[in-house]
Amino acid sequence: MFADIICPVSSEKVDSHVSRLTVFINAGLMAFFLITLQPIPLYIVTLDYGIRAFGYNQYSPLCFLSSTIIKLLGTKSKMIDKAPKVFASRLGFICAILGSVFLILNMPIASRAIIGFFAVLATLDSVFDLCVGCIIYSYLVFPFFSKKSA
């Protein structure tokens, strides 16, 4: 089933360990939000995903934290294509924005539903290295993009 997955491609690379740790920290913040309904962790997630969604990982506070932790641990870099991570960050940013808007509009159940779903996707990416963004790209974006390119 997943053998036919197509991910966006770019010439830029990012460290997989830093990316996965960043997403794991975000998943932890989302879990804290889901338990407490405190808005600050959700707003941090929204800001961080917004920065990364536009490809500016170097300005992401959580990427900086993750990078520092990875360096302190002495983990060797594992460079991967940046494009799938940017696409996944864009999808995550949309979820985080929706969750924040629903919370601001005093719709906590809707906010929790969106952020709960988002937290599951982030956990799959960070713990199991399963990028649902690539699956979404393969079935919902690529078919339309490839038709325009032909």
N, C-alpha and C. Protein backbone atom coordinates (compact mmCIF):
# COMPACT_ATOMS: atom_id res chain seq x y z
N MET A 1 0.82 -1.20 0.00
CA MET A 1 0.00 0.00 0.00
C MET A 1 0.87 1.26 0.00
N PHE A 2 1.87 1.32 0.88
CA PHE A 2 2.70 2.51 0.99
C PHE A 2 3.87 2.50 0.01
N ALA A 3 3.99 1.47 -0.80
CA ALA A 3 5.10 1.39 -1.75
C ALA A 3 4.97 2.44 -2.85
N ASP A 4 3.76 2.90 -3.13
CA ASP A 4 3.54 3.86 -4.20
C ASP A 4 3.49 5.31 -3.71
N ILE A 5 3.91 5.55 -2.48
CA ILE A 5 3.85 6.89 -1.90
C ILE A 5 4.86 7.80 -2.59
N ILE A 6 4.40 8.97 -2.96
CA ILE A 6 5.24 9.98 -3.61
C ILE A 6 5.29 11.19 -2.69
N CYS A 7 6.50 11.65 -2.41
CA CYS A 7 6.65 12.84 -1.57
C CYS A 7 7.16 13.99 -2.42
N PRO A 8 6.85 15.23 -2.00
CA PRO A 8 7.45 16.37 -2.71
C PRO A 8 8.97 16.29 -2.57
N VAL A 9 9.68 16.85 -3.54
CA VAL A 9 11.14 16.74 -3.58
C VAL A 9 11.75 18.13 -3.69
N SER A 10 12.88 18.32 -3.01
CA SER A 10 13.66 19.56 -3.16
C SER A 10 15.13 19.23 -3.05
N SER A 11 15.97 20.18 -3.37
CA SER A 11 17.42 19.97 -3.25
C SER A 11 17.92 20.28 -1.85
N GLU A 12 17.08 20.91 -1.02
CA GLU A 12 17.48 21.25 0.34
C GLU A 12 17.31 20.04 1.26
N LYS A 13 18.17 19.97 2.26
CA LYS A 13 18.14 18.85 3.20
C LYS A 13 18.00 19.36 4.63
N VAL A 14 17.42 18.52 5.50
CA VAL A 14 17.32 18.78 6.94
C VAL A 14 17.73 17.51 7.68
N ASP A 15 18.12 17.68 8.93
CA ASP A 15 18.50 16.54 9.76
C ASP A 15 17.23 15.86 10.26
N SER A 16 17.07 14.59 9.94
CA SER A 16 15.89 13.83 10.34
C SER A 16 15.74 13.78 11.85
N HIS A 17 16.86 13.66 12.58
CA HIS A 17 16.79 13.58 14.04
C HIS A 17 16.23 14.87 14.63
N VAL A 18 16.69 16.01 14.11
CA VAL A 18 16.21 17.31 14.58
C VAL A 18 14.73 17.46 14.24
N SER A 19 14.36 17.09 13.03
CA SER A 19 12.97 17.20 12.60
C SER A 19 12.06 16.35 13.48
N ARG A 20 12.43 15.11 13.70
CA ARG A 20 11.58 14.21 14.49
C ARG A 20 11.49 14.65 15.95
N LEU A 21 12.60 15.15 16.51
CA LEU A 21 12.55 15.62 17.90
C LEU A 21 11.69 16.88 18.00
N THR A 22 11.79 17.76 17.01
CA THR A 22 10.96 18.97 17.00
C THR A 22 9.48 18.60 16.98
N VAL A 23 9.12 17.66 16.13
CA VAL A 23 7.73 17.22 16.03
C VAL A 23 7.29 16.53 17.33
N PHE A 24 8.20 15.78 17.96
CA PHE A 24 7.89 15.12 19.23
C PHE A 24 7.60 16.15 20.33
N ILE A 25 8.42 17.20 20.38
CA ILE A 25 8.19 18.27 21.37
C ILE A 25 6.84 18.93 21.11
N ASN A 26 6.54 19.19 19.85
CA ASN A 26 5.24 19.76 19.50
C ASN A 26 4.10 18.82 19.91
N ALA A 27 4.27 17.52 19.70
CA ALA A 27 3.25 16.56 20.10
C ALA A 27 3.05 16.61 21.62
N GLY A 28 4.14 16.76 22.36
CA GLY A 28 4.04 16.89 23.81
C GLY A 28 3.28 18.14 24.22
N LEU A 29 3.55 19.25 23.53
CA LEU A 29 2.81 20.50 23.80
C LEU A 29 1.33 20.34 23.49
N MET A 30 1.03 19.63 22.39
CA MET A 30 -0.37 19.40 22.04
C MET A 30 -1.05 18.52 23.09
N ALA A 31 -0.34 17.51 23.57
CA ALA A 31 -0.91 16.64 24.62
C ALA A 31 -1.19 17.46 25.88
N PHE A 32 -0.27 18.34 26.24
CA PHE A 32 -0.49 19.20 27.40
C PHE A 32 -1.73 20.08 27.20
N PHE A 33 -1.86 20.64 25.99
CA PHE A 33 -3.04 21.44 25.68
C PHE A 33 -4.32 20.60 25.81
N LEU A 34 -4.30 19.39 25.25
CA LEU A 34 -5.48 18.53 25.27
C LEU A 34 -5.92 18.20 26.70
N ILE A 35 -4.97 18.04 27.58
CA ILE A 35 -5.27 17.70 28.97
C ILE A 35 -5.77 18.92 29.75
N THR A 36 -5.12 20.07 29.54
CA THR A 36 -5.38 21.23 30.38
C THR A 36 -6.25 22.31 29.74
N LEU A 37 -6.34 22.32 28.42
CA LEU A 37 -6.99 23.38 27.65
C LEU A 37 -6.34 24.75 27.88
N GLN A 38 -5.10 24.74 28.34
CA GLN A 38 -4.35 25.99 28.46
C GLN A 38 -3.93 26.41 27.06
N PRO A 39 -4.18 27.64 26.64
CA PRO A 39 -3.93 28.03 25.26
C PRO A 39 -2.46 28.23 24.89
N ILE A 40 -1.60 28.57 25.83
CA ILE A 40 -0.21 28.90 25.50
C ILE A 40 0.50 27.78 24.74
N PRO A 41 0.43 26.51 25.18
CA PRO A 41 1.10 25.46 24.40
C PRO A 41 0.58 25.38 22.96
N LEU A 42 -0.71 25.57 22.77
CA LEU A 42 -1.28 25.54 21.42
C LEU A 42 -0.75 26.70 20.59
N TYR A 43 -0.64 27.86 21.19
CA TYR A 43 -0.12 29.02 20.46
C TYR A 43 1.36 28.84 20.11
N ILE A 44 2.11 28.18 20.99
CA ILE A 44 3.53 27.89 20.69
C ILE A 44 3.61 26.94 19.50
N VAL A 45 2.77 25.90 19.51
CA VAL A 45 2.73 24.95 18.39
C VAL A 45 2.36 25.68 17.10
N THR A 46 1.37 26.54 17.16
CA THR A 46 0.92 27.28 15.97
C THR A 46 2.05 28.16 15.43
N LEU A 47 2.72 28.88 16.30
CA LEU A 47 3.83 29.73 15.89
C LEU A 47 4.95 28.90 15.28
N ASP A 48 5.32 27.82 15.96
CA ASP A 48 6.43 26.99 15.49
C ASP A 48 6.12 26.37 14.13
N TYR A 49 4.93 25.81 13.98
CA TYR A 49 4.56 25.22 12.69
C TYR A 49 4.46 26.30 11.61
N GLY A 50 4.00 27.48 11.97
CA GLY A 50 3.93 28.57 11.00
C GLY A 50 5.31 28.94 10.48
N ILE A 51 6.27 29.02 11.36
CA ILE A 51 7.64 29.34 10.95
C ILE A 51 8.18 28.25 10.03
N ARG A 52 8.00 27.00 10.42
CA ARG A 52 8.52 25.89 9.62
C ARG A 52 7.73 25.66 8.33
N ALA A 53 6.45 26.02 8.33
CA ALA A 53 5.61 25.84 7.13
C ALA A 53 6.12 26.67 5.96
N PHE A 54 6.76 27.77 6.27
CA PHE A 54 7.28 28.63 5.20
C PHE A 54 8.77 28.41 4.98
N GLY A 55 9.31 27.31 5.56
CA GLY A 55 10.68 26.89 5.28
C GLY A 55 11.75 27.59 6.10
N TYR A 56 11.38 28.26 7.17
CA TYR A 56 12.36 29.01 7.96
C TYR A 56 12.72 28.28 9.25
N ASN A 57 13.15 27.02 9.12
CA ASN A 57 13.49 26.21 10.29
C ASN A 57 14.51 26.89 11.18
N GLN A 58 15.42 27.67 10.60
CA GLN A 58 16.47 28.31 11.38
C GLN A 58 15.91 29.32 12.39
N TYR A 59 14.66 29.76 12.21
CA TYR A 59 14.04 30.71 13.13
C TYR A 59 13.05 30.04 14.09
N SER A 60 12.88 28.74 13.96
CA SER A 60 11.96 28.01 14.82
C SER A 60 12.60 27.77 16.19
N PRO A 61 11.98 28.27 17.26
CA PRO A 61 12.55 28.05 18.59
C PRO A 61 12.64 26.56 18.95
N LEU A 62 11.65 25.78 18.53
CA LEU A 62 11.68 24.36 18.87
C LEU A 62 12.69 23.59 18.03
N CYS A 63 12.93 24.03 16.79
CA CYS A 63 14.00 23.43 15.98
C CYS A 63 15.35 23.74 16.61
N PHE A 64 15.50 24.97 17.10
CA PHE A 64 16.75 25.36 17.76
C PHE A 64 16.96 24.50 19.00
N LEU A 65 15.93 24.33 19.81
CA LEU A 65 16.01 23.49 21.00
C LEU A 65 16.37 22.05 20.63
N SER A 66 15.68 21.52 19.63
CA SER A 66 15.93 20.14 19.19
C SER A 66 17.35 19.98 18.67
N SER A 67 17.79 20.94 17.89
CA SER A 67 19.15 20.90 17.34
C SER A 67 20.19 20.90 18.45
N THR A 68 19.95 21.72 19.46
CA THR A 68 20.86 21.79 20.60
C THR A 68 20.90 20.45 21.34
N ILE A 69 19.75 19.85 21.57
CA ILE A 69 19.67 18.56 22.25
C ILE A 69 20.40 17.48 21.45
N ILE A 70 20.16 17.45 20.14
CA ILE A 70 20.80 16.45 19.27
C ILE A 70 22.31 16.62 19.30
N LYS A 71 22.80 17.87 19.26
CA LYS A 71 24.24 18.11 19.33
C LYS A 71 24.81 17.67 20.67
N LEU A 72 24.11 17.98 21.76
CA LEU A 72 24.57 17.58 23.10
C LEU A 72 24.63 16.06 23.23
N LEU A 73 23.72 15.37 22.59
CA LEU A 73 23.71 13.91 22.63
C LEU A 73 24.78 13.30 21.72
N GLY A 74 25.34 14.12 20.83
CA GLY A 74 26.37 13.64 19.92
C GLY A 74 25.84 12.75 18.82
N THR A 75 24.57 12.89 18.50
CA THR A 75 23.95 12.07 17.45
C THR A 75 24.42 12.53 16.08
N LYS A 76 24.84 11.57 15.27
CA LYS A 76 25.29 11.87 13.91
C LYS A 76 24.10 12.30 13.05
N SER A 77 24.30 13.33 12.25
CA SER A 77 23.22 13.84 11.38
C SER A 77 22.77 12.78 10.38
N LYS A 78 21.48 12.78 10.11
CA LYS A 78 20.90 11.93 9.06
C LYS A 78 20.11 12.89 8.16
N MET A 79 20.72 13.32 7.08
CA MET A 79 20.11 14.32 6.22
C MET A 79 19.06 13.69 5.31
N ILE A 80 17.91 14.36 5.25
CA ILE A 80 16.80 13.92 4.41
C ILE A 80 16.27 15.12 3.62
N ASP A 81 15.46 14.84 2.64
CA ASP A 81 14.86 15.88 1.81
C ASP A 81 13.96 16.78 2.66
N LYS A 82 14.08 18.09 2.46
CA LYS A 82 13.32 19.05 3.26
C LYS A 82 11.86 19.18 2.80
N ALA A 83 11.58 18.97 1.53
CA ALA A 83 10.25 19.23 0.96
C ALA A 83 9.12 18.47 1.67
N PRO A 84 9.26 17.17 1.94
CA PRO A 84 8.15 16.49 2.64
C PRO A 84 7.90 17.08 4.02
N LYS A 85 8.95 17.51 4.69
CA LYS A 85 8.80 18.08 6.03
C LYS A 85 8.12 19.44 5.96
N VAL A 86 8.42 20.22 4.92
CA VAL A 86 7.76 21.52 4.75
C VAL A 86 6.27 21.30 4.44
N PHE A 87 5.98 20.35 3.57
CA PHE A 87 4.58 20.05 3.24
C PHE A 87 3.82 19.61 4.50
N ALA A 88 4.42 18.71 5.29
CA ALA A 88 3.78 18.26 6.52
C ALA A 88 3.62 19.42 7.51
N SER A 89 4.60 20.32 7.55
CA SER A 89 4.49 21.50 8.43
C SER A 89 3.35 22.40 7.99
N ARG A 90 3.12 22.51 6.71
CA ARG A 90 2.01 23.32 6.21
C ARG A 90 0.67 22.72 6.62
N LEU A 91 0.56 21.40 6.51
CA LEU A 91 -0.67 20.74 6.96
C LEU A 91 -0.84 20.92 8.47
N GLY A 92 0.26 20.78 9.20
CA GLY A 92 0.23 20.98 10.64
C GLY A 92 -0.14 22.40 11.02
N PHE A 93 0.36 23.36 10.27
CA PHE A 93 0.04 24.77 10.53
C PHE A 93 -1.45 25.02 10.34
N ILE A 94 -2.04 24.42 9.32
CA ILE A 94 -3.48 24.55 9.09
C ILE A 94 -4.25 23.98 10.28
N CYS A 95 -3.85 22.80 10.75
CA CYS A 95 -4.52 22.19 11.91
C CYS A 95 -4.35 23.07 13.15
N ALA A 96 -3.14 23.59 13.37
CA ALA A 96 -2.88 24.42 14.56
C ALA A 96 -3.68 25.72 14.50
N ILE A 97 -3.75 26.33 13.32
CA ILE A 97 -4.55 27.56 13.16
C ILE A 97 -6.02 27.26 13.47
N LEU A 98 -6.54 26.18 12.89
CA LEU A 98 -7.94 25.82 13.13
C LEU A 98 -8.19 25.56 14.61
N GLY A 99 -7.30 24.81 15.25
CA GLY A 99 -7.44 24.54 16.68
C GLY A 99 -7.42 25.83 17.50
N SER A 100 -6.55 26.76 17.13
CA SER A 100 -6.46 28.04 17.85
C SER A 100 -7.72 28.88 17.63
N VAL A 101 -8.19 28.92 16.40
CA VAL A 101 -9.40 29.69 16.09
C VAL A 101 -10.60 29.13 16.84
N PHE A 102 -10.74 27.80 16.83
CA PHE A 102 -11.86 27.19 17.55
C PHE A 102 -11.76 27.48 19.05
N LEU A 103 -10.56 27.49 19.58
CA LEU A 103 -10.40 27.79 21.00
C LEU A 103 -10.77 29.25 21.28
N ILE A 104 -10.34 30.16 20.44
CA ILE A 104 -10.66 31.58 20.60
C ILE A 104 -12.17 31.80 20.49
N LEU A 105 -12.82 31.04 19.61
CA LEU A 105 -14.28 31.15 19.44
C LEU A 105 -15.06 30.38 20.50
N ASN A 106 -14.36 29.95 21.54
CA ASN A 106 -14.97 29.22 22.64
C ASN A 106 -15.65 27.92 22.18
N MET A 107 -14.94 27.21 21.33
CA MET A 107 -15.39 25.91 20.84
C MET A 107 -14.33 24.86 21.21
N PRO A 108 -14.18 24.57 22.51
CA PRO A 108 -13.10 23.70 22.95
C PRO A 108 -13.18 22.26 22.43
N ILE A 109 -14.38 21.76 22.21
CA ILE A 109 -14.51 20.39 21.71
C ILE A 109 -13.96 20.31 20.28
N ALA A 110 -14.31 21.27 19.45
CA ALA A 110 -13.79 21.30 18.08
C ALA A 110 -12.27 21.47 18.10
N SER A 111 -11.78 22.34 18.96
CA SER A 111 -10.34 22.56 19.07
C SER A 111 -9.63 21.28 19.49
N ARG A 112 -10.19 20.60 20.49
CA ARG A 112 -9.58 19.35 20.96
C ARG A 112 -9.61 18.27 19.87
N ALA A 113 -10.69 18.21 19.10
CA ALA A 113 -10.78 17.21 18.04
C ALA A 113 -9.69 17.42 16.99
N ILE A 114 -9.54 18.66 16.54
CA ILE A 114 -8.52 18.98 15.53
C ILE A 114 -7.12 18.72 16.08
N ILE A 115 -6.86 19.23 17.28
CA ILE A 115 -5.52 19.09 17.85
C ILE A 115 -5.24 17.64 18.24
N GLY A 116 -6.26 16.91 18.66
CA GLY A 116 -6.08 15.48 18.95
C GLY A 116 -5.66 14.71 17.71
N PHE A 117 -6.34 14.97 16.61
CA PHE A 117 -6.00 14.35 15.32
C PHE A 117 -4.58 14.74 14.92
N PHE A 118 -4.27 16.02 15.03
CA PHE A 118 -2.95 16.54 14.69
C PHE A 118 -1.87 15.90 15.57
N ALA A 119 -2.15 15.73 16.85
CA ALA A 119 -1.18 15.12 17.78
C ALA A 119 -0.90 13.66 17.39
N VAL A 120 -1.93 12.95 16.95
CA VAL A 120 -1.73 11.57 16.48
C VAL A 120 -0.81 11.56 15.27
N LEU A 121 -1.05 12.45 14.30
CA LEU A 121 -0.19 12.52 13.12
C LEU A 121 1.24 12.87 13.49
N ALA A 122 1.41 13.83 14.40
CA ALA A 122 2.75 14.23 14.84
C ALA A 122 3.46 13.08 15.55
N THR A 123 2.72 12.32 16.33
CA THR A 123 3.31 11.18 17.03
C THR A 123 3.73 10.10 16.03
N LEU A 124 2.90 9.84 15.04
CA LEU A 124 3.27 8.87 14.00
C LEU A 124 4.57 9.28 13.31
N ASP A 125 4.70 10.57 13.02
CA ASP A 125 5.90 11.07 12.35
C ASP A 125 7.11 11.00 13.27
N SER A 126 6.97 11.47 14.51
CA SER A 126 8.13 11.58 15.39
C SER A 126 8.58 10.23 15.96
N VAL A 127 7.65 9.36 16.29
CA VAL A 127 8.01 8.10 16.93
C VAL A 127 8.23 6.98 15.91
N PHE A 128 7.36 6.90 14.89
CA PHE A 128 7.41 5.79 13.94
C PHE A 128 7.95 6.18 12.57
N ASP A 129 8.32 7.44 12.38
CA ASP A 129 8.83 7.95 11.11
C ASP A 129 7.84 7.68 9.97
N LEU A 130 6.55 7.81 10.27
CA LEU A 130 5.49 7.62 9.28
C LEU A 130 4.88 8.99 8.99
N CYS A 131 5.18 9.52 7.84
CA CYS A 131 4.71 10.85 7.46
C CYS A 131 3.38 10.74 6.71
N VAL A 132 2.31 11.06 7.40
CA VAL A 132 0.99 11.02 6.78
C VAL A 132 0.88 12.12 5.72
N GLY A 133 1.66 13.18 5.87
CA GLY A 133 1.69 14.24 4.86
C GLY A 133 2.05 13.70 3.49
N CYS A 134 2.98 12.75 3.43
CA CYS A 134 3.36 12.15 2.15
C CYS A 134 2.22 11.33 1.56
N ILE A 135 1.46 10.67 2.42
CA ILE A 135 0.31 9.90 1.95
C ILE A 135 -0.74 10.86 1.38
N ILE A 136 -1.01 11.94 2.10
CA ILE A 136 -1.97 12.95 1.64
C ILE A 136 -1.49 13.55 0.32
N TYR A 137 -0.20 13.87 0.25
CA TYR A 137 0.36 14.43 -0.98
C TYR A 137 0.18 13.47 -2.16
N SER A 138 0.44 12.19 -1.92
CA SER A 138 0.36 11.19 -2.99
C SER A 138 -1.03 11.05 -3.57
N TYR A 139 -2.05 11.12 -2.71
CA TYR A 139 -3.41 10.84 -3.16
C TYR A 139 -4.27 12.08 -3.41
N LEU A 140 -3.92 13.21 -2.78
CA LEU A 140 -4.77 14.39 -2.92
C LEU A 140 -4.12 15.56 -3.66
N VAL A 141 -2.80 15.60 -3.69
CA VAL A 141 -2.12 16.73 -4.34
C VAL A 141 -1.46 16.31 -5.65
N PHE A 142 -0.64 15.28 -5.59
CA PHE A 142 0.12 14.87 -6.76
C PHE A 142 -0.72 14.55 -7.99
N PRO A 143 -1.85 13.83 -7.85
CA PRO A 143 -2.65 13.54 -9.04
C PRO A 143 -3.09 14.80 -9.80
N PHE A 144 -3.41 15.85 -9.07
CA PHE A 144 -3.84 17.09 -9.72
C PHE A 144 -2.65 17.87 -10.26
N PHE A 145 -1.54 17.86 -9.53
CA PHE A 145 -0.33 18.55 -9.96
C PHE A 145 0.24 17.90 -11.21
N SER A 146 0.27 16.56 -11.25
CA SER A 146 0.84 15.85 -12.39
C SER A 146 0.01 16.06 -13.65
N LYS A 147 -1.31 16.27 -13.52
CA LYS A 147 -2.15 16.51 -14.69
C LYS A 147 -1.83 17.88 -15.30
N LYS A 148 -1.53 18.87 -14.45
CA LYS A 148 -1.19 20.20 -14.96
C LYS A 148 0.18 20.22 -15.61
N SER A 149 1.08 19.33 -15.15
CA SER A 149 2.44 19.29 -15.67
C SER A 149 2.50 18.60 -17.03
N ALA A 150 1.51 17.76 -17.30
CA ALA A 150 1.55 16.95 -18.54
C ALA A 150 1.18 17.75 -19.75
